[in-house]
Amino acid sequence: MSGNTFGTLFRVTVFGESHGSHIGMVIDGCPAGLTIDLDFIQSELDRRKPGQSKITTQRKEDDHFQILSGVFEGKSTGTPIAGLILNNDQRSNDYSHIQDKYRPSHADYTYDSKYGHRDYRGGGRSSARETAARVMAGAIAKLILKEHGIDIFAYVSKVGTLEMSKKHHEIDPKDIEKNIVRCPDEASALKMIKYIEEIKASGDTVGGVISCQIKNTPAGLGEPVFDKLHADLGKAMLSINAVKGFEYGSGFKGSELKGSEHNDEFTKVGEKIQTKTNHSGGIQGGISNGMDIYFNVAFKPVATIMKEQSSITSSGEETKISGKGRHDPCVVPRAVPIVESMAAIVLADFLLRNKTSKLGDIK
């Protein structure tokens, strides 16, 4: 299986399965001398871990990690950083009833078609369990960004048809972790939580949207033509399990505007060049312009539901199937740190790549 590595200079490889013994990651290209804050990495994993609230899966994983290499006396050495997380709360028997059945909207059939052999326990490699390794790597990427004053925060802006009333420029990041749905609009959050509880009680699931903002990004990040900053952000987000859509800046709404309405006119504030508006979402020509980067990520409903559905067995026979085990009724609350992590990995990679764009930077 290829396709498990992301990035060019800051390269992240993740490995492991939902019900294997471990999951983990290797970072190749992390600069030496970075202080590796283990408590911060654990706090990021805690935000993603299962069993953290009544509206998430009740699988219990502490997601305690171990750094195997690349760190000495609290700092990165410049060699590959390897990290490992133990899978503790495995209930593989929960999946024995589907070992020969293809679950609707899962990767069962496609994995079988591609590999001819699949791990049916929780989806194996296709399970979102692997995203814990991404969060571990993303936490280290965030430590690099912190050195440059770059801040990333994501939040739930929509669950089903319930959309928060605040606009992206009205968000206070301190409000995101004040409720279990991670929506920084208290009134909207209460409605979302109630709705997810109702969906869970009915044996169904619901999707939603996560919005993300990146502040204090310097102008100049991005590698045209095929490695535009927004293109790599889009690839990063679309690689996350259950993601069905990505838009940045004005997004699809921008297609409804006239050029005179959409253009971001330049102005100078003190010594800094800015734009009066930010329909571009902080990126123009595939390169950051120094304004806030903001984007939305759409997540489908979790495919495992507790209702009976029609399906096909691996031998082509018609069958009935319904979900068992522990699953999220709505994935977006736990996906917030995953979105942040993938954004951080992209930005860290482009920061390093940008060091080679000017001769003066490499002398």
Protein backbone atom coordinates (compact mmCIF):
# COMPACT_ATOMS: atom_id res chain seq x y z
CA MET A 1 0.00 0.00 0.00
CA SER A 2 1.43 3.34 -1.03
CA GLY A 3 0.11 6.82 -0.22
CA ASN A 4 0.88 6.89 3.50
CA THR A 5 3.31 9.83 3.37
CA PHE A 6 2.40 13.53 3.15
CA GLY A 7 4.65 16.53 2.60
CA THR A 8 7.81 17.47 0.72
CA LEU A 9 10.43 18.69 3.22
CA PHE A 10 8.40 18.16 6.39
CA ARG A 11 7.34 14.60 5.54
CA VAL A 12 4.87 12.68 7.69
CA THR A 13 4.32 8.93 7.34
CA VAL A 14 1.54 7.29 9.37
CA PHE A 15 0.89 3.59 9.92
CA GLY A 16 -1.34 1.14 11.76
CA GLU A 17 -4.89 -0.21 11.83
CA SER A 18 -7.97 0.33 13.97
CA HIS A 19 -7.63 -3.01 15.76
CA GLY A 20 -3.91 -3.63 15.33
CA SER A 21 -1.55 -3.48 18.29
CA HIS A 22 -0.37 0.09 17.62
CA ILE A 23 -0.69 3.09 15.38
CA GLY A 24 2.11 5.55 14.81
CA MET A 25 3.93 8.12 12.74
CA VAL A 26 7.38 9.09 11.50
CA ILE A 27 8.37 12.70 10.75
CA ASP A 28 11.31 13.16 8.43
CA GLY A 29 12.59 16.71 8.01
CA CYS A 30 11.82 18.31 11.37
CA PRO A 31 14.55 20.91 11.99
CA ALA A 32 16.96 20.23 14.83
CA GLY A 33 16.73 22.29 18.01
CA LEU A 34 12.94 22.42 18.29
CA THR A 35 11.72 22.06 21.88
CA ILE A 36 9.40 19.05 21.90
CA ASP A 37 6.65 19.80 24.41
CA LEU A 38 5.35 16.35 25.36
CA ASP A 39 2.50 17.76 27.47
CA PHE A 40 1.27 19.80 24.51
CA ILE A 41 1.35 16.77 22.21
CA GLN A 42 -0.70 14.79 24.75
CA SER A 43 -3.21 17.63 25.13
CA GLU A 44 -3.74 17.59 21.36
CA LEU A 45 -4.30 13.82 21.38
CA ASP A 46 -6.76 14.23 24.28
CA ARG A 47 -8.89 16.54 22.12
CA ARG A 48 -9.23 13.84 19.45
CA LYS A 49 -9.44 10.69 21.58
CA PRO A 50 -12.65 8.63 21.72
CA GLY A 51 -14.91 8.46 24.75
CA GLN A 52 -14.51 12.12 25.68
CA SER A 53 -18.21 13.04 25.84
CA LYS A 54 -21.75 11.71 25.54
CA ILE A 55 -21.93 12.67 21.85
CA THR A 56 -18.85 10.69 20.77
CA THR A 57 -18.00 7.00 20.47
CA GLN A 58 -17.57 5.30 23.82
CA ARG A 59 -14.46 3.38 22.80
CA LYS A 60 -11.95 4.07 25.58
CA GLU A 61 -8.45 4.95 24.39
CA ASP A 62 -6.14 7.11 26.50
CA ASP A 63 -3.96 7.65 23.41
CA HIS A 64 -0.82 7.94 25.49
CA PHE A 65 2.12 8.16 23.12
CA GLN A 66 5.77 7.23 23.14
CA ILE A 67 8.55 8.99 21.24
CA LEU A 68 10.98 6.38 19.96
CA SER A 69 13.58 8.48 18.17
CA GLY A 70 14.62 11.91 16.97
CA VAL A 71 14.42 13.67 20.34
CA PHE A 72 17.25 14.09 22.86
CA GLU A 73 17.21 16.15 26.05
CA GLY A 74 13.83 17.59 25.08
CA LYS A 75 14.84 18.86 21.63
CA SER A 76 14.61 17.51 18.10
CA THR A 77 17.90 16.21 16.76
CA GLY A 78 17.12 16.60 13.05
CA THR A 79 16.83 12.83 12.59
CA PRO A 80 13.46 11.10 11.97
CA ILE A 81 11.01 11.46 14.85
CA ALA A 82 9.04 8.26 15.42
CA GLY A 83 5.98 8.14 17.68
CA LEU A 84 3.81 5.22 18.78
CA ILE A 85 0.33 4.90 20.31
CA LEU A 86 -0.96 1.66 21.82
CA ASN A 87 -4.45 0.42 20.90
CA ASN A 88 -6.00 -0.65 24.20
CA ASP A 89 -9.77 -0.95 23.91
CA GLN A 90 -10.20 -3.35 20.99
CA ARG A 91 -13.44 -5.29 20.53
CA SER A 92 -12.79 -7.09 17.28
CA ASN A 93 -15.76 -9.40 17.84
CA ASP A 94 -18.03 -6.41 17.26
CA TYR A 95 -17.12 -6.79 13.57
CA SER A 96 -17.30 -10.56 13.10
CA HIS A 97 -20.80 -10.25 11.65
CA ILE A 98 -19.55 -8.18 8.71
CA GLN A 99 -16.40 -10.08 7.74
CA ASP A 100 -18.08 -11.24 4.50
CA LYS A 101 -20.45 -8.29 4.07
CA TYR A 102 -19.90 -4.91 2.46
CA ARG A 103 -21.12 -2.10 4.68
CA PRO A 104 -22.88 0.71 2.78
CA SER A 105 -20.65 3.77 2.17
CA HIS A 106 -17.60 2.15 3.81
CA ALA A 107 -14.32 1.15 2.18
CA ASP A 108 -15.04 -2.59 2.48
CA TYR A 109 -15.80 -3.23 -1.18
CA THR A 110 -13.14 -0.90 -2.57
CA TYR A 111 -10.39 -2.36 -0.35
CA ASP A 112 -11.45 -5.87 -1.37
CA SER A 113 -11.42 -4.85 -5.03
CA LYS A 114 -7.97 -3.26 -4.77
CA TYR A 115 -6.13 -5.62 -2.43
CA GLY A 116 -8.13 -8.85 -2.48
CA HIS A 117 -7.70 -9.09 1.29
CA ARG A 118 -8.94 -6.69 3.95
CA ASP A 119 -8.95 -6.18 7.69
CA TYR A 120 -12.67 -6.00 8.49
CA ARG A 121 -12.12 -5.14 12.17
CA GLY A 122 -13.32 -1.55 12.32
CA GLY A 123 -12.21 -0.99 8.75
CA GLY A 124 -8.53 -1.66 9.46
CA ARG A 125 -6.41 0.96 7.70
CA SER A 126 -9.48 2.82 6.39
CA SER A 127 -10.63 3.59 9.94
CA ALA A 128 -10.39 7.12 11.31
CA ARG A 129 -8.43 5.58 14.17
CA GLU A 130 -5.29 6.30 12.12
CA THR A 131 -5.91 10.05 12.46
CA ALA A 132 -4.54 9.93 16.02
CA ALA A 133 -1.09 9.51 14.45
CA ARG A 134 -1.74 12.59 12.30
CA VAL A 135 -2.61 14.62 15.40
CA MET A 136 0.65 13.56 17.05
CA ALA A 137 2.58 14.74 13.98
CA GLY A 138 0.42 17.86 13.70
CA ALA A 139 1.24 18.82 17.29
CA ILE A 140 4.94 18.86 16.42
CA ALA A 141 4.16 20.91 13.31
CA LYS A 142 2.27 23.36 15.54
CA LEU A 143 5.39 23.73 17.70
CA ILE A 144 7.29 24.81 14.57
CA LEU A 145 4.55 27.29 13.66
CA LYS A 146 4.54 28.68 17.19
CA GLU A 147 8.18 29.66 16.69
CA HIS A 148 6.97 31.84 13.78
CA GLY A 149 3.93 33.25 15.59
CA ILE A 150 1.47 31.37 13.36
CA ASP A 151 -1.77 30.31 15.06
CA ILE A 152 -4.29 27.73 13.81
CA PHE A 153 -7.72 27.07 15.28
CA ALA A 154 -10.70 25.13 13.97
CA TYR A 155 -14.25 24.80 15.23
CA VAL A 156 -17.62 23.26 14.38
CA SER A 157 -19.68 25.75 12.41
CA LYS A 158 -22.50 23.47 11.26
CA VAL A 159 -24.20 20.21 12.24
CA GLY A 160 -26.76 18.94 9.76
CA THR A 161 -28.74 22.05 8.83
CA LEU A 162 -27.94 23.83 12.11
CA GLU A 163 -25.44 26.58 11.31
CA MET A 164 -23.92 28.91 13.88
CA SER A 165 -24.84 32.58 13.56
CA LYS A 166 -21.36 34.03 14.14
CA LYS A 167 -19.14 34.85 11.14
CA HIS A 168 -15.53 33.74 10.97
CA HIS A 169 -14.14 37.18 11.91
CA GLU A 170 -16.32 37.24 15.04
CA ILE A 171 -14.85 34.06 16.55
CA ASP A 172 -12.98 34.07 19.85
CA PRO A 173 -10.78 30.93 19.92
CA LYS A 174 -11.16 30.75 23.70
CA ASP A 175 -14.84 29.85 23.24
CA ILE A 176 -14.20 26.72 21.15
CA GLU A 177 -13.43 24.32 23.99
CA LYS A 178 -16.21 25.62 26.27
CA ASN A 179 -18.69 22.98 25.05
CA ILE A 180 -18.50 19.36 23.90
CA VAL A 181 -19.46 20.08 20.29
CA ARG A 182 -16.61 22.64 19.92
CA CYS A 183 -18.80 25.38 18.48
CA PRO A 184 -17.73 28.88 19.65
CA ASP A 185 -21.34 30.14 19.49
CA GLU A 186 -22.98 29.05 22.77
CA ALA A 187 -26.60 29.29 21.62
CA SER A 188 -25.87 27.33 18.44
CA ALA A 189 -23.79 24.78 20.36
CA LEU A 190 -26.69 23.89 22.67
CA LYS A 191 -28.95 23.25 19.66
CA MET A 192 -26.29 21.15 17.97
CA ILE A 193 -25.71 19.00 21.07
CA LYS A 194 -29.42 18.38 21.51
CA TYR A 195 -29.75 17.43 17.84
CA ILE A 196 -26.81 15.01 17.97
CA GLU A 197 -28.29 13.37 21.05
CA GLU A 198 -31.58 12.89 19.20
CA ILE A 199 -29.79 11.47 16.16
CA LYS A 200 -27.84 9.06 18.38
CA ALA A 201 -31.00 7.88 20.15
CA SER A 202 -32.61 7.11 16.80
CA GLY A 203 -29.67 4.92 15.73
CA ASP A 204 -28.67 7.31 12.95
CA THR A 205 -25.80 9.71 12.26
CA VAL A 206 -25.39 13.26 10.95
CA GLY A 207 -22.66 15.23 9.19
CA GLY A 208 -21.41 18.77 9.61
CA VAL A 209 -18.85 21.44 8.73
CA ILE A 210 -15.60 22.41 10.43
CA SER A 211 -14.23 25.88 9.79
CA CYS A 212 -10.56 26.70 10.25
CA GLN A 213 -8.55 29.91 10.52
CA ILE A 214 -4.80 30.42 10.21
CA LYS A 215 -3.54 33.72 11.58
CA ASN A 216 -0.20 35.54 11.22
CA THR A 217 0.89 33.59 8.15
CA PRO A 218 3.70 35.47 6.40
CA ALA A 219 3.24 36.44 2.78
CA GLY A 220 5.00 34.17 0.30
CA LEU A 221 4.08 30.60 1.29
CA GLY A 222 3.03 28.41 -1.61
CA GLU A 223 4.70 26.75 -4.59
CA PRO A 224 2.98 27.37 -7.94
CA VAL A 225 1.94 25.87 -10.22
CA PHE A 226 0.86 22.45 -8.96
CA ASP A 227 1.73 22.94 -5.29
CA LYS A 228 -0.38 26.00 -4.59
CA LEU A 229 -0.94 26.57 -0.88
CA HIS A 230 -4.70 26.14 -1.17
CA ALA A 231 -4.25 23.03 -3.34
CA ASP A 232 -2.16 21.32 -0.66
CA LEU A 233 -4.57 22.44 2.06
CA GLY A 234 -7.39 20.95 0.00
CA LYS A 235 -5.51 17.67 -0.47
CA ALA A 236 -4.74 17.54 3.25
CA MET A 237 -8.38 18.06 4.23
CA LEU A 238 -9.76 15.67 1.60
CA SER A 239 -7.41 12.97 2.91
CA ILE A 240 -9.27 13.00 6.25
CA ASN A 241 -11.84 10.24 6.68
CA ALA A 242 -15.44 11.25 5.88
CA VAL A 243 -14.52 14.59 4.27
CA LYS A 244 -16.66 15.36 1.21
CA GLY A 245 -15.84 18.99 0.46
CA PHE A 246 -13.32 21.81 0.87
CA GLU A 247 -13.64 25.53 0.15
CA TYR A 248 -11.44 28.46 1.10
CA GLY A 249 -12.04 32.20 1.17
CA SER A 250 -15.33 33.10 -0.48
CA GLY A 251 -15.60 29.51 -1.73
CA PHE A 252 -18.64 28.57 -3.77
CA LYS A 253 -20.44 31.74 -2.71
CA GLY A 254 -17.76 33.72 -4.51
CA SER A 255 -19.05 32.38 -7.82
CA GLU A 256 -22.22 34.43 -7.28
CA LEU A 257 -20.36 37.75 -7.07
CA LYS A 258 -19.16 40.20 -9.71
CA GLY A 259 -15.47 40.97 -10.02
CA SER A 260 -16.05 44.45 -8.67
CA GLU A 261 -17.61 42.90 -5.57
CA HIS A 262 -15.07 40.11 -5.12
CA ASN A 263 -11.72 41.82 -5.75
CA ASP A 264 -9.62 42.48 -2.65
CA GLU A 265 -8.18 45.98 -3.01
CA PHE A 266 -4.74 46.61 -1.54
CA THR A 267 -4.01 49.20 1.12
CA LYS A 268 -1.14 50.00 3.46
CA VAL A 269 -1.54 49.93 7.22
CA GLY A 270 1.59 51.33 8.82
CA GLU A 271 4.44 49.52 7.10
CA LYS A 272 2.34 46.49 6.19
CA ILE A 273 0.53 45.86 2.90
CA GLN A 274 -2.95 44.42 3.43
CA THR A 275 -6.22 44.03 1.55
CA LYS A 276 -9.37 45.91 2.45
CA THR A 277 -11.46 42.75 2.16
CA ASN A 278 -10.40 39.10 2.26
CA HIS A 279 -12.54 37.18 -0.23
CA SER A 280 -9.28 35.51 -1.32
CA GLY A 281 -9.00 33.78 2.05
CA GLY A 282 -5.40 34.90 2.52
CA ILE A 283 -4.17 33.18 -0.65
CA GLN A 284 -3.66 34.70 -4.11
CA GLY A 285 -2.01 32.93 -7.02
CA GLY A 286 -1.53 29.94 -4.75
CA ILE A 287 0.67 31.99 -2.39
CA SER A 288 -0.19 33.42 1.03
CA ASN A 289 -0.59 37.21 1.03
CA GLY A 290 -0.32 37.74 4.80
CA MET A 291 -4.04 38.03 5.47
CA ASP A 292 -5.93 35.46 7.56
CA ILE A 293 -6.37 32.12 5.80
CA TYR A 294 -9.79 30.60 6.35
CA PHE A 295 -11.56 27.57 4.94
CA ASN A 296 -14.45 25.14 5.48
CA VAL A 297 -14.36 21.34 5.50
CA ALA A 298 -17.56 19.32 4.98
CA PHE A 299 -17.93 15.93 6.68
CA LYS A 300 -20.50 13.32 5.66
CA PRO A 301 -22.58 11.43 8.24
CA VAL A 302 -20.70 8.51 9.80
CA ALA A 303 -21.45 5.51 7.59
CA THR A 304 -22.10 3.04 10.43
CA ILE A 305 -25.70 3.35 11.57
CA MET A 306 -27.75 1.15 13.91
CA LYS A 307 -30.53 0.68 11.36
CA GLU A 308 -30.94 -2.29 9.05
CA GLN A 309 -29.76 -1.76 5.48
CA SER A 310 -29.52 -3.88 2.35
CA SER A 311 -26.12 -4.95 1.08
CA ILE A 312 -24.11 -7.63 -0.74
CA THR A 313 -21.72 -10.30 0.55
CA SER A 314 -18.24 -10.85 -0.88
CA SER A 315 -19.69 -13.80 -2.81
CA GLY A 316 -22.36 -11.57 -4.39
CA GLU A 317 -25.37 -12.68 -2.32
CA GLU A 318 -27.96 -10.18 -1.09
CA THR A 319 -27.95 -9.65 2.66
CA LYS A 320 -29.09 -7.37 5.47
CA ILE A 321 -26.73 -5.51 7.74
CA SER A 322 -26.91 -3.18 10.74
CA GLY A 323 -24.22 -1.56 12.83
CA LYS A 324 -22.81 -2.90 16.08
CA GLY A 325 -20.11 -1.61 18.37
CA ARG A 326 -19.20 1.95 19.32
CA HIS A 327 -19.41 4.75 16.80
CA ASP A 328 -19.70 8.53 16.67
CA PRO A 329 -23.21 9.81 15.87
CA CYS A 330 -21.46 12.92 14.48
CA VAL A 331 -17.75 12.97 13.76
CA VAL A 332 -17.14 16.74 13.60
CA PRO A 333 -16.50 17.49 17.31
CA ARG A 334 -13.57 15.04 17.40
CA ALA A 335 -12.36 16.00 13.92
CA VAL A 336 -11.55 19.59 14.94
CA PRO A 337 -7.98 18.78 16.08
CA ILE A 338 -7.49 16.59 12.99
CA VAL A 339 -8.28 19.53 10.69
CA GLU A 340 -5.91 21.75 12.69
CA SER A 341 -3.18 19.10 12.55
CA MET A 342 -3.32 18.62 8.79
CA ALA A 343 -3.31 22.40 8.29
CA ALA A 344 -0.27 22.67 10.57
CA ILE A 345 1.59 19.96 8.65
CA VAL A 346 0.93 21.82 5.38
CA LEU A 347 2.10 25.18 6.79
CA ALA A 348 5.22 23.68 8.39
CA ASP A 349 6.14 22.06 5.09
CA PHE A 350 5.70 25.30 3.14
CA LEU A 351 7.68 27.28 5.71
CA LEU A 352 10.64 24.97 5.14
CA ARG A 353 10.16 24.96 1.37
CA ASN A 354 10.06 28.75 1.34
CA LYS A 355 13.61 28.87 2.70
CA THR A 356 14.81 27.81 -0.77
CA SER A 357 12.89 30.43 -2.77
CA LYS A 358 15.49 33.21 -2.48
CA LEU A 359 19.24 32.93 -2.93
CA GLY A 360 19.78 35.14 0.11
CA ASP A 361 17.93 32.66 2.32
CA ILE A 362 20.34 29.82 1.56
CA LYS A 363 23.65 31.71 1.69
